[in-house]
Every structure is written in structure tokens, then in C-alpha cells.
Amino acid sequence: MSDFESLVEERNIVSWELRQLVKSGLYPDEQAALRSALRALFQLNPQTKLQMIISAYEAGDVSLGKAAEMLGVSQEEVKDILREEGAEIHLGPQTVEGLLEDAQNA
């Protein structure tokens, strides 16, 4: 079996399992089941959530404030966490051109 076929089969199994969780009445919909699974993952391995949020922050997918909110800490605390993890802290545009570029991207 090729890697692609394995991926398709695995995806089909996950989709089937999600449908069964809903069909059995354990969850109202597939999104609720996925949220529950992620909560369990993050409770068992908090470092996974931390690394996900740091990665999202570094990629510009979440702001410093949103990262702090997701981690349940203040913005100053999240800055400390980012420094400890070796992540670069984005302090916003440093030039007028950068500000205009951010405004265009918003």
C-alpha cells in the first residue's frame, strides 16, 4: 500500500469514527467531538498546545494578545514564555512603510 493510499484509508477511518460518535449520540456534531479530542490532547500534553500557539504567533496567525488569551496568561507573561522558548517577539511595524503594509494586509 502506498503512502497516499494509507493516508486516504486513515482519513476514512477518522471520518467514520467521527460520524459514529455523532450517530451514537455522544456528541451533537463532528466539530464538538474534535474540540473534545483536542481538549483531551492539550490536557494530557500542555506542551503541545504551547508549541502550537508559539508557532501560530511566529507565523503571524495570532497576535500577542490572542496568544496570551489562548494560554490564559497576561501579555507580559506570554512575552516571557516566548523569550524562554526562543521565539521572536513582534512589536509591530518599525517603519511607516511597515505600518502601511500591515494596514493593507488587515
PDB file of N, CA and C in Angstrom:
ATOM      1  N   MET A   1       0.852  -1.177   0.000  1.00  0.00           N
ATOM      2  CA  MET A   1       0.000   0.000   0.000  1.00  0.00           C
ATOM      3  C   MET A   1       0.898   1.241   0.000  1.00  0.00           C
ATOM      4  N   SER A   2       0.589   2.202  -0.871  1.00  0.00           N
ATOM      5  CA  SER A   2       1.392   3.422  -0.966  1.00  0.00           C
ATOM      6  C   SER A   2       1.095   4.347   0.216  1.00  0.00           C
ATOM      7  N   ASP A   3       1.968   5.335   0.402  1.00  0.00           N
ATOM      8  CA  ASP A   3       1.745   6.325   1.459  1.00  0.00           C
ATOM      9  C   ASP A   3       0.428   7.055   1.248  1.00  0.00           C
ATOM     10  N   PHE A   4       0.127   7.366  -0.019  1.00  0.00           N
ATOM     11  CA  PHE A   4      -1.114   8.055  -0.329  1.00  0.00           C
ATOM     12  C   PHE A   4      -2.317   7.201   0.036  1.00  0.00           C
ATOM     13  N   GLU A   5      -2.273   5.933  -0.330  1.00  0.00           N
ATOM     14  CA  GLU A   5      -3.384   5.029  -0.012  1.00  0.00           C
ATOM     15  C   GLU A   5      -3.553   4.887   1.498  1.00  0.00           C
ATOM     16  N   SER A   6      -2.446   4.834   2.208  1.00  0.00           N
ATOM     17  CA  SER A   6      -2.510   4.747   3.671  1.00  0.00           C
ATOM     18  C   SER A   6      -3.161   5.991   4.256  1.00  0.00           C
ATOM     19  N   LEU A   7      -2.794   7.151   3.709  1.00  0.00           N
ATOM     20  CA  LEU A   7      -3.368   8.411   4.180  1.00  0.00           C
ATOM     21  C   LEU A   7      -4.871   8.458   3.936  1.00  0.00           C
ATOM     22  N   VAL A   8      -5.282   8.040   2.745  1.00  0.00           N
ATOM     23  CA  VAL A   8      -6.709   8.027   2.406  1.00  0.00           C
ATOM     24  C   VAL A   8      -7.450   7.078   3.331  1.00  0.00           C
ATOM     25  N   GLU A   9      -6.891   5.890   3.554  1.00  0.00           N
ATOM     26  CA  GLU A   9      -7.537   4.917   4.436  1.00  0.00           C
ATOM     27  C   GLU A   9      -7.641   5.466   5.864  1.00  0.00           C
ATOM     28  N   GLU A  10      -6.563   6.068   6.350  1.00  0.00           N
ATOM     29  CA  GLU A  10      -6.567   6.640   7.705  1.00  0.00           C
ATOM     30  C   GLU A  10      -7.607   7.750   7.820  1.00  0.00           C
ATOM     31  N   ARG A  11      -7.682   8.588   6.785  1.00  0.00           N
ATOM     32  CA  ARG A  11      -8.660   9.669   6.787  1.00  0.00           C
ATOM     33  C   ARG A  11     -10.085   9.122   6.809  1.00  0.00           C
ATOM     34  N   ASN A  12     -10.313   8.064   6.047  1.00  0.00           N
ATOM     35  CA  ASN A  12     -11.628   7.435   6.013  1.00  0.00           C
ATOM     36  C   ASN A  12     -11.990   6.867   7.385  1.00  0.00           C
ATOM     37  N   ILE A  13     -11.011   6.273   8.058  1.00  0.00           N
ATOM     38  CA  ILE A  13     -11.257   5.715   9.390  1.00  0.00           C
ATOM     39  C   ILE A  13     -11.612   6.827  10.372  1.00  0.00           C
ATOM     40  N   VAL A  14     -10.852   7.920  10.341  1.00  0.00           N
ATOM     41  CA  VAL A  14     -11.123   9.034  11.247  1.00  0.00           C
ATOM     42  C   VAL A  14     -12.508   9.618  10.963  1.00  0.00           C
ATOM     43  N   SER A  15     -12.840   9.799   9.697  1.00  0.00           N
ATOM     44  CA  SER A  15     -14.166  10.321   9.341  1.00  0.00           C
ATOM     45  C   SER A  15     -15.266   9.380   9.828  1.00  0.00           C
ATOM     46  N   TRP A  16     -15.060   8.071   9.628  1.00  0.00           N
ATOM     47  CA  TRP A  16     -16.048   7.103  10.088  1.00  0.00           C
ATOM     48  C   TRP A  16     -16.208   7.183  11.605  1.00  0.00           C
ATOM     49  N   GLU A  17     -15.090   7.264  12.336  1.00  0.00           N
ATOM     50  CA  GLU A  17     -15.154   7.338  13.796  1.00  0.00           C
ATOM     51  C   GLU A  17     -15.893   8.592  14.252  1.00  0.00           C
ATOM     52  N   LEU A  18     -15.622   9.717  13.619  1.00  0.00           N
ATOM     53  CA  LEU A  18     -16.327  10.948  13.976  1.00  0.00           C
ATOM     54  C   LEU A  18     -17.826  10.814  13.730  1.00  0.00           C
ATOM     55  N   ARG A  19     -18.185  10.263  12.578  1.00  0.00           N
ATOM     56  CA  ARG A  19     -19.612  10.068  12.283  1.00  0.00           C
ATOM     57  C   ARG A  19     -20.274   9.158  13.311  1.00  0.00           C
ATOM     58  N   GLN A  20     -19.556   8.119  13.737  1.00  0.00           N
ATOM     59  CA  GLN A  20     -20.118   7.181  14.710  1.00  0.00           C
ATOM     60  C   GLN A  20     -20.308   7.835  16.076  1.00  0.00           C
ATOM     61  N   LEU A  21     -19.385   8.700  16.461  1.00  0.00           N
ATOM     62  CA  LEU A  21     -19.540   9.412  17.743  1.00  0.00           C
ATOM     63  C   LEU A  21     -20.799  10.274  17.736  1.00  0.00           C
ATOM     64  N   VAL A  22     -21.070  10.902  16.598  1.00  0.00           N
ATOM     65  CA  VAL A  22     -22.278  11.726  16.472  1.00  0.00           C
ATOM     66  C   VAL A  22     -23.507  10.830  16.392  1.00  0.00           C
ATOM     67  N   LYS A  23     -23.429   9.803  15.560  1.00  0.00           N
ATOM     68  CA  LYS A  23     -24.558   8.883  15.360  1.00  0.00           C
ATOM     69  C   LYS A  23     -24.970   8.208  16.667  1.00  0.00           C
ATOM     70  N   SER A  24     -24.001   7.912  17.518  1.00  0.00           N
ATOM     71  CA  SER A  24     -24.295   7.250  18.792  1.00  0.00           C
ATOM     72  C   SER A  24     -24.887   8.210  19.824  1.00  0.00           C
ATOM     73  N   GLY A  25     -24.892   9.501  19.485  1.00  0.00           N
ATOM     74  CA  GLY A  25     -25.469  10.482  20.392  1.00  0.00           C
ATOM     75  C   GLY A  25     -24.489  11.001  21.445  1.00  0.00           C
ATOM     76  N   LEU A  26     -23.234  10.600  21.346  1.00  0.00           N
ATOM     77  CA  LEU A  26     -22.243  11.058  22.321  1.00  0.00           C
ATOM     78  C   LEU A  26     -21.868  12.520  22.114  1.00  0.00           C
ATOM     79  N   TYR A  27     -21.968  13.006  20.878  1.00  0.00           N
ATOM     80  CA  TYR A  27     -21.655  14.394  20.544  1.00  0.00           C
ATOM     81  C   TYR A  27     -22.709  14.919  19.596  1.00  0.00           C
ATOM     82  N   PRO A  28     -23.015  16.211  19.691  1.00  0.00           N
ATOM     83  CA  PRO A  28     -24.048  16.763  18.811  1.00  0.00           C
ATOM     84  C   PRO A  28     -23.592  16.863  17.350  1.00  0.00           C
ATOM     85  N   ASP A  29     -22.282  17.026  17.131  1.00  0.00           N
ATOM     86  CA  ASP A  29     -21.762  17.097  15.767  1.00  0.00           C
ATOM     87  C   ASP A  29     -20.273  16.764  15.773  1.00  0.00           C
ATOM     88  N   GLU A  30     -19.709  16.634  14.583  1.00  0.00           N
ATOM     89  CA  GLU A  30     -18.306  16.240  14.462  1.00  0.00           C
ATOM     90  C   GLU A  30     -17.366  17.295  15.055  1.00  0.00           C
ATOM     91  N   GLN A  31     -17.725  18.565  14.928  1.00  0.00           N
ATOM     92  CA  GLN A  31     -16.883  19.629  15.483  1.00  0.00           C
ATOM     93  C   GLN A  31     -16.790  19.515  17.003  1.00  0.00           C
ATOM     94  N   ALA A  32     -17.887  19.180  17.652  1.00  0.00           N
ATOM     95  CA  ALA A  32     -17.877  19.014  19.107  1.00  0.00           C
ATOM     96  C   ALA A  32     -16.965  17.853  19.505  1.00  0.00           C
ATOM     97  N   ALA A  33     -16.993  16.782  18.736  1.00  0.00           N
ATOM     98  CA  ALA A  33     -16.130  15.632  19.018  1.00  0.00           C
ATOM     99  C   ALA A  33     -14.662  16.014  18.837  1.00  0.00           C
ATOM    100  N   LEU A  34     -14.358  16.756  17.782  1.00  0.00           N
ATOM    101  CA  LEU A  34     -12.977  17.196  17.550  1.00  0.00           C
ATOM    102  C   LEU A  34     -12.501  18.143  18.649  1.00  0.00           C
ATOM    103  N   ARG A  35     -13.359  19.079  19.067  1.00  0.00           N
ATOM    104  CA  ARG A  35     -12.982  20.000  20.157  1.00  0.00           C
ATOM    105  C   ARG A  35     -12.695  19.231  21.432  1.00  0.00           C
ATOM    106  N   SER A  36     -13.509  18.225  21.720  1.00  0.00           N
ATOM    107  CA  SER A  36     -13.303  17.406  22.910  1.00  0.00           C
ATOM    108  C   SER A  36     -11.976  16.647  22.826  1.00  0.00           C
ATOM    109  N   ALA A  37     -11.672  16.121  21.653  1.00  0.00           N
ATOM    110  CA  ALA A  37     -10.410  15.388  21.469  1.00  0.00           C
ATOM    111  C   ALA A  37      -9.213  16.321  21.652  1.00  0.00           C
ATOM    112  N   LEU A  38      -9.307  17.523  21.111  1.00  0.00           N
ATOM    113  CA  LEU A  38      -8.210  18.480  21.266  1.00  0.00           C
ATOM    114  C   LEU A  38      -8.036  18.905  22.720  1.00  0.00           C
ATOM    115  N   ARG A  39      -9.144  19.138  23.419  1.00  0.00           N
ATOM    116  CA  ARG A  39      -9.051  19.486  24.849  1.00  0.00           C
ATOM    117  C   ARG A  39      -8.334  18.377  25.612  1.00  0.00           C
ATOM    118  N   ALA A  40      -8.693  17.134  25.310  1.00  0.00           N
ATOM    119  CA  ALA A  40      -8.051  15.996  25.988  1.00  0.00           C
ATOM    120  C   ALA A  40      -6.565  15.941  25.651  1.00  0.00           C
ATOM    121  N   LEU A  41      -6.221  16.159  24.395  1.00  0.00           N
ATOM    122  CA  LEU A  41      -4.817  16.164  23.987  1.00  0.00           C
ATOM    123  C   LEU A  41      -4.045  17.245  24.742  1.00  0.00           C
ATOM    124  N   PHE A  42      -4.609  18.445  24.792  1.00  0.00           N
ATOM    125  CA  PHE A  42      -3.915  19.557  25.445  1.00  0.00           C
ATOM    126  C   PHE A  42      -3.809  19.354  26.953  1.00  0.00           C
ATOM    127  N   GLN A  43      -4.789  18.695  27.552  1.00  0.00           N
ATOM    128  CA  GLN A  43      -4.704  18.403  28.988  1.00  0.00           C
ATOM    129  C   GLN A  43      -3.627  17.364  29.265  1.00  0.00           C
ATOM    130  N   LEU A  44      -3.524  16.363  28.402  1.00  0.00           N
ATOM    131  CA  LEU A  44      -2.517  15.325  28.587  1.00  0.00           C
ATOM    132  C   LEU A  44      -1.112  15.821  28.268  1.00  0.00           C
ATOM    133  N   ASN A  45      -1.019  16.750  27.321  1.00  0.00           N
ATOM    134  CA  ASN A  45       0.277  17.252  26.889  1.00  0.00           C
ATOM    135  C   ASN A  45       0.203  18.759  26.668  1.00  0.00           C
ATOM    136  N   PRO A  46       0.273  19.550  27.748  1.00  0.00           N
ATOM    137  CA  PRO A  46       0.172  21.008  27.621  1.00  0.00           C
ATOM    138  C   PRO A  46       1.250  21.609  26.716  1.00  0.00           C
ATOM    139  N   GLN A  47       2.387  20.952  26.607  1.00  0.00           N
ATOM    140  CA  GLN A  47       3.477  21.462  25.755  1.00  0.00           C
ATOM    141  C   GLN A  47       3.051  21.499  24.287  1.00  0.00           C
ATOM    142  N   THR A  48       2.169  20.591  23.896  1.00  0.00           N
ATOM    143  CA  THR A  48       1.667  20.571  22.521  1.00  0.00           C
ATOM    144  C   THR A  48       0.908  21.857  22.222  1.00  0.00           C
ATOM    145  N   LYS A  49       0.041  22.259  23.128  1.00  0.00           N
ATOM    146  CA  LYS A  49      -0.724  23.494  22.933  1.00  0.00           C
ATOM    147  C   LYS A  49       0.215  24.694  22.917  1.00  0.00           C
ATOM    148  N   LEU A  50       1.169  24.724  23.826  1.00  0.00           N
ATOM    149  CA  LEU A  50       2.121  25.825  23.891  1.00  0.00           C
ATOM    150  C   LEU A  50       2.876  25.946  22.571  1.00  0.00           C
ATOM    151  N   GLN A  51       3.392  24.830  22.062  1.00  0.00           N
ATOM    152  CA  GLN A  51       4.149  24.863  20.807  1.00  0.00           C
ATOM    153  C   GLN A  51       3.264  25.268  19.633  1.00  0.00           C
ATOM    154  N   MET A  52       2.015  24.837  19.630  1.00  0.00           N
ATOM    155  CA  MET A  52       1.086  25.220  18.570  1.00  0.00           C
ATOM    156  C   MET A  52       0.875  26.730  18.574  1.00  0.00           C
ATOM    157  N   ILE A  53       0.659  27.306  19.759  1.00  0.00           N
ATOM    158  CA  ILE A  53       0.407  28.739  19.874  1.00  0.00           C
ATOM    159  C   ILE A  53       1.653  29.540  19.519  1.00  0.00           C
ATOM    160  N   ILE A  54       2.813  29.085  19.968  1.00  0.00           N
ATOM    161  CA  ILE A  54       4.063  29.772  19.617  1.00  0.00           C
ATOM    162  C   ILE A  54       4.262  29.751  18.102  1.00  0.00           C
ATOM    163  N   SER A  55       4.040  28.622  17.485  1.00  0.00           N
ATOM    164  CA  SER A  55       4.185  28.504  16.038  1.00  0.00           C
ATOM    165  C   SER A  55       3.215  29.439  15.317  1.00  0.00           C
ATOM    166  N   ALA A  56       1.974  29.491  15.782  1.00  0.00           N
ATOM    167  CA  ALA A  56       0.976  30.373  15.175  1.00  0.00           C
ATOM    168  C   ALA A  56       1.370  31.834  15.348  1.00  0.00           C
ATOM    169  N   TYR A  57       1.909  32.189  16.514  1.00  0.00           N
ATOM    170  CA  TYR A  57       2.351  33.563  16.772  1.00  0.00           C
ATOM    171  C   TYR A  57       3.516  33.922  15.850  1.00  0.00           C
ATOM    172  N   GLU A  58       4.500  33.029  15.759  1.00  0.00           N
ATOM    173  CA  GLU A  58       5.664  33.300  14.913  1.00  0.00           C
ATOM    174  C   GLU A  58       5.278  33.443  13.437  1.00  0.00           C
ATOM    175  N   ALA A  59       4.261  32.700  13.018  1.00  0.00           N
ATOM    176  CA  ALA A  59       3.801  32.765  11.630  1.00  0.00           C
ATOM    177  C   ALA A  59       2.908  33.979  11.379  1.00  0.00           C
ATOM    178  N   GLY A  60       2.539  34.689  12.447  1.00  0.00           N
ATOM    179  CA  GLY A  60       1.666  35.844  12.297  1.00  0.00           C
ATOM    180  C   GLY A  60       0.199  35.480  12.235  1.00  0.00           C
ATOM    181  N   ASP A  61      -0.135  34.240  12.596  1.00  0.00           N
ATOM    182  CA  ASP A  61      -1.535  33.801  12.558  1.00  0.00           C
ATOM    183  C   ASP A  61      -2.328  34.267  13.768  1.00  0.00           C
ATOM    184  N   VAL A  62      -1.635  34.533  14.888  1.00  0.00           N
ATOM    185  CA  VAL A  62      -2.295  35.083  16.076  1.00  0.00           C
ATOM    186  C   VAL A  62      -1.436  36.225  16.614  1.00  0.00           C
ATOM    187  N   SER A  63      -2.095  37.180  17.230  1.00  0.00           N
ATOM    188  CA  SER A  63      -1.400  38.322  17.826  1.00  0.00           C
ATOM    189  C   SER A  63      -0.868  37.942  19.197  1.00  0.00           C
ATOM    190  N   LEU A  64      -0.077  38.832  19.754  1.00  0.00           N
ATOM    191  CA  LEU A  64       0.430  38.628  21.101  1.00  0.00           C
ATOM    192  C   LEU A  64      -0.733  38.523  22.094  1.00  0.00           C
ATOM    193  N   GLY A  65      -1.719  39.391  21.937  1.00  0.00           N
ATOM    194  CA  GLY A  65      -2.884  39.373  22.816  1.00  0.00           C
ATOM    195  C   GLY A  65      -3.678  38.081  22.700  1.00  0.00           C
ATOM    196  N   LYS A  66      -3.860  37.612  21.473  1.00  0.00           N
ATOM    197  CA  LYS A  66      -4.601  36.359  21.260  1.00  0.00           C
ATOM    198  C   LYS A  66      -3.812  35.179  21.818  1.00  0.00           C
ATOM    199  N   ALA A  67      -2.487  35.186  21.648  1.00  0.00           N
ATOM    200  CA  ALA A  67      -1.659  34.109  22.206  1.00  0.00           C
ATOM    201  C   ALA A  67      -1.797  34.086  23.720  1.00  0.00           C
ATOM    202  N   ALA A  68      -1.777  35.272  24.334  1.00  0.00           N
ATOM    203  CA  ALA A  68      -1.924  35.359  25.788  1.00  0.00           C
ATOM    204  C   ALA A  68      -3.289  34.824  26.216  1.00  0.00           C
ATOM    205  N   GLU A  69      -4.323  35.208  25.487  1.00  0.00           N
ATOM    206  CA  GLU A  69      -5.679  34.743  25.797  1.00  0.00           C
ATOM    207  C   GLU A  69      -5.773  33.223  25.693  1.00  0.00           C
ATOM    208  N   MET A  70      -5.202  32.655  24.636  1.00  0.00           N
ATOM    209  CA  MET A  70      -5.265  31.210  24.425  1.00  0.00           C
ATOM    210  C   MET A  70      -4.508  30.442  25.504  1.00  0.00           C
ATOM    211  N   LEU A  71      -3.439  31.057  26.034  1.00  0.00           N
ATOM    212  CA  LEU A  71      -2.662  30.416  27.092  1.00  0.00           C
ATOM    213  C   LEU A  71      -3.195  30.734  28.488  1.00  0.00           C
ATOM    214  N   GLY A  72      -4.110  31.700  28.563  1.00  0.00           N
ATOM    215  CA  GLY A  72      -4.676  32.071  29.867  1.00  0.00           C
ATOM    216  C   GLY A  72      -3.703  32.844  30.741  1.00  0.00           C
ATOM    217  N   VAL A  73      -2.855  33.656  30.087  1.00  0.00           N
ATOM    218  CA  VAL A  73      -1.877  34.459  30.824  1.00  0.00           C
ATOM    219  C   VAL A  73      -1.934  35.897  30.318  1.00  0.00           C
ATOM    220  N   SER A  74      -1.223  36.794  31.010  1.00  0.00           N
ATOM    221  CA  SER A  74      -1.169  38.189  30.573  1.00  0.00           C
ATOM    222  C   SER A  74      -0.228  38.323  29.378  1.00  0.00           C
ATOM    223  N   GLN A  75      -0.286  39.467  28.710  1.00  0.00           N
ATOM    224  CA  GLN A  75       0.608  39.699  27.581  1.00  0.00           C
ATOM    225  C   GLN A  75       2.067  39.729  28.031  1.00  0.00           C
ATOM    226  N   GLU A  76       2.325  40.268  29.204  1.00  0.00           N
ATOM    227  CA  GLU A  76       3.699  40.277  29.714  1.00  0.00           C
ATOM    228  C   GLU A  76       4.186  38.861  29.979  1.00  0.00           C
ATOM    229  N   GLU A  77       3.297  38.018  30.513  1.00  0.00           N
ATOM    230  CA  GLU A  77       3.675  36.620  30.758  1.00  0.00           C
ATOM    231  C   GLU A  77       3.938  35.874  29.454  1.00  0.00           C
ATOM    232  N   VAL A  78       3.124  36.142  28.437  1.00  0.00           N
ATOM    233  CA  VAL A  78       3.338  35.456  27.165  1.00  0.00           C
ATOM    234  C   VAL A  78       4.651  35.912  26.538  1.00  0.00           C
ATOM    235  N   LYS A  79       5.019  37.170  26.736  1.00  0.00           N
ATOM    236  CA  LYS A  79       6.324  37.633  26.241  1.00  0.00           C
ATOM    237  C   LYS A  79       7.446  36.849  26.916  1.00  0.00           C
ATOM    238  N   ASP A  80       7.326  36.637  28.220  1.00  0.00           N
ATOM    239  CA  ASP A  80       8.331  35.844  28.940  1.00  0.00           C
ATOM    240  C   ASP A  80       8.393  34.422  28.393  1.00  0.00           C
ATOM    241  N   ILE A  81       7.228  33.835  28.159  1.00  0.00           N
ATOM    242  CA  ILE A  81       7.165  32.466  27.620  1.00  0.00           C
ATOM    243  C   ILE A  81       7.831  32.409  26.243  1.00  0.00           C
ATOM    244  N   LEU A  82       7.523  33.393  25.409  1.00  0.00           N
ATOM    245  CA  LEU A  82       8.108  33.420  24.071  1.00  0.00           C
ATOM    246  C   LEU A  82       9.630  33.537  24.140  1.00  0.00           C
ATOM    247  N   ARG A  83      10.109  34.397  25.032  1.00  0.00           N
ATOM    248  CA  ARG A  83      11.562  34.540  25.196  1.00  0.00           C
ATOM    249  C   ARG A  83      12.182  33.219  25.656  1.00  0.00           C
ATOM    250  N   GLU A  84      11.554  32.579  26.648  1.00  0.00           N
ATOM    251  CA  GLU A  84      12.061  31.302  27.175  1.00  0.00           C
ATOM    252  C   GLU A  84      12.125  30.238  26.083  1.00  0.00           C
ATOM    253  N   GLU A  85      11.177  30.290  25.163  1.00  0.00           N
ATOM    254  CA  GLU A  85      11.116  29.299  24.085  1.00  0.00           C
ATOM    255  C   GLU A  85      11.950  29.703  22.871  1.00  0.00           C
ATOM    256  N   GLY A  86      12.594  30.869  22.964  1.00  0.00           N
ATOM    257  CA  GLY A  86      13.457  31.323  21.871  1.00  0.00           C
ATOM    258  C   GLY A  86      12.718  31.902  20.689  1.00  0.00           C
ATOM    259  N   ALA A  87      11.473  32.295  20.899  1.00  0.00           N
ATOM    260  CA  ALA A  87      10.678  32.869  19.815  1.00  0.00           C
ATOM    261  C   ALA A  87      10.903  34.376  19.750  1.00  0.00           C
ATOM    262  N   GLU A  88      10.837  34.900  18.546  1.00  0.00           N
ATOM    263  CA  GLU A  88      10.986  36.338  18.348  1.00  0.00           C
ATOM    264  C   GLU A  88       9.668  37.035  18.683  1.00  0.00           C
ATOM    265  N   ILE A  89       9.743  38.108  19.440  1.00  0.00           N
ATOM    266  CA  ILE A  89       8.547  38.868  19.801  1.00  0.00           C
ATOM    267  C   ILE A  89       8.355  39.974  18.773  1.00  0.00           C
ATOM    268  N   HIS A  90       7.177  40.003  18.170  1.00  0.00           N
ATOM    269  CA  HIS A  90       6.845  41.010  17.159  1.00  0.00           C
ATOM    270  C   HIS A  90       6.266  42.228  17.859  1.00  0.00           C
ATOM    271  N   LEU A  91       6.919  43.347  17.711  1.00  0.00           N
ATOM    272  CA  LEU A  91       6.467  44.557  18.387  1.00  0.00           C
ATOM    273  C   LEU A  91       5.733  45.500  17.450  1.00  0.00           C
ATOM    274  N   GLY A  92       5.332  45.008  16.316  1.00  0.00           N
ATOM    275  CA  GLY A  92       4.607  45.834  15.368  1.00  0.00           C
ATOM    276  C   GLY A  92       5.548  46.451  14.354  1.00  0.00           C
ATOM    277  N   PRO A  93       4.986  47.188  13.405  1.00  0.00           N
ATOM    278  CA  PRO A  93       5.797  47.767  12.346  1.00  0.00           C
ATOM    279  C   PRO A  93       6.796  48.787  12.898  1.00  0.00           C
ATOM    280  N   GLN A  94       7.996  48.758  12.344  1.00  0.00           N
ATOM    281  CA  GLN A  94       9.050  49.655  12.788  1.00  0.00           C
ATOM    282  C   GLN A  94       9.199  50.875  11.889  1.00  0.00           C
ATOM    283  N   THR A  95       8.501  50.867  10.738  1.00  0.00           N
ATOM    284  CA  THR A  95       8.580  51.983   9.792  1.00  0.00           C
ATOM    285  C   THR A  95       7.175  52.327   9.318  1.00  0.00           C
ATOM    286  N   VAL A  96       7.063  53.502   8.679  1.00  0.00           N
ATOM    287  CA  VAL A  96       5.778  53.908   8.104  1.00  0.00           C
ATOM    288  C   VAL A  96       5.374  52.919   7.015  1.00  0.00           C
ATOM    289  N   GLU A  97       6.359  52.472   6.226  1.00  0.00           N
ATOM    290  CA  GLU A  97       6.072  51.504   5.160  1.00  0.00           C
ATOM    291  C   GLU A  97       5.519  50.205   5.756  1.00  0.00           C
ATOM    292  N   GLY A  98       6.106  49.767   6.866  1.00  0.00           N
ATOM    293  CA  GLY A  98       5.630  48.562   7.534  1.00  0.00           C
ATOM    294  C   GLY A  98       4.215  48.721   8.056  1.00  0.00           C
ATOM    295  N   LEU A  99       3.924  49.898   8.582  1.00  0.00           N
ATOM    296  CA  LEU A  99       2.579  50.189   9.078  1.00  0.00           C
ATOM    297  C   LEU A  99       1.572  50.154   7.936  1.00  0.00           C
ATOM    298  N   LEU A 100       1.943  50.771   6.800  1.00  0.00           N
ATOM    299  CA  LEU A 100       1.038  50.775   5.644  1.00  0.00           C
ATOM    300  C   LEU A 100       0.822  49.360   5.097  1.00  0.00           C
ATOM    301  N   GLU A 101       1.892  48.566   5.112  1.00  0.00           N
ATOM    302  CA  GLU A 101       1.775  47.179   4.659  1.00  0.00           C
ATOM    303  C   GLU A 101       0.851  46.385   5.576  1.00  0.00           C
ATOM    304  N   ASP A 102       0.992  46.576   6.894  1.00  0.00           N
ATOM    305  CA  ASP A 102       0.105  45.907   7.844  1.00  0.00           C
ATOM    306  C   ASP A 102      -1.342  46.326   7.624  1.00  0.00           C
ATOM    307  N   ALA A 103      -1.555  47.608   7.352  1.00  0.00           N
ATOM    308  CA  ALA A 103      -2.924  48.119   7.128  1.00  0.00           C
ATOM    309  C   ALA A 103      -3.521  47.501   5.881  1.00  0.00           C
ATOM    310  N   GLN A 104      -2.721  47.338   4.839  1.00  0.00           N
ATOM    311  CA  GLN A 104      -3.209  46.721   3.610  1.00  0.00           C
ATOM    312  C   GLN A 104      -3.547  45.254   3.813  1.00  0.00           C
ATOM    313  N   ASN A 105      -2.762  44.574   4.654  1.00  0.00           N
ATOM    314  CA  ASN A 105      -2.985  43.145   4.911  1.00  0.00           C
ATOM    315  C   ASN A 105      -4.161  42.890   5.827  1.00  0.00           C
ATOM    316  N   ALA A 106      -4.582  43.901   6.557  1.00  0.00           N
ATOM    317  CA  ALA A 106      -5.657  43.718   7.547  1.00  0.00           C
ATOM    318  C   ALA A 106      -7.005  43.547   6.903  1.00  0.00           C
TER     319      ALA A 106
END
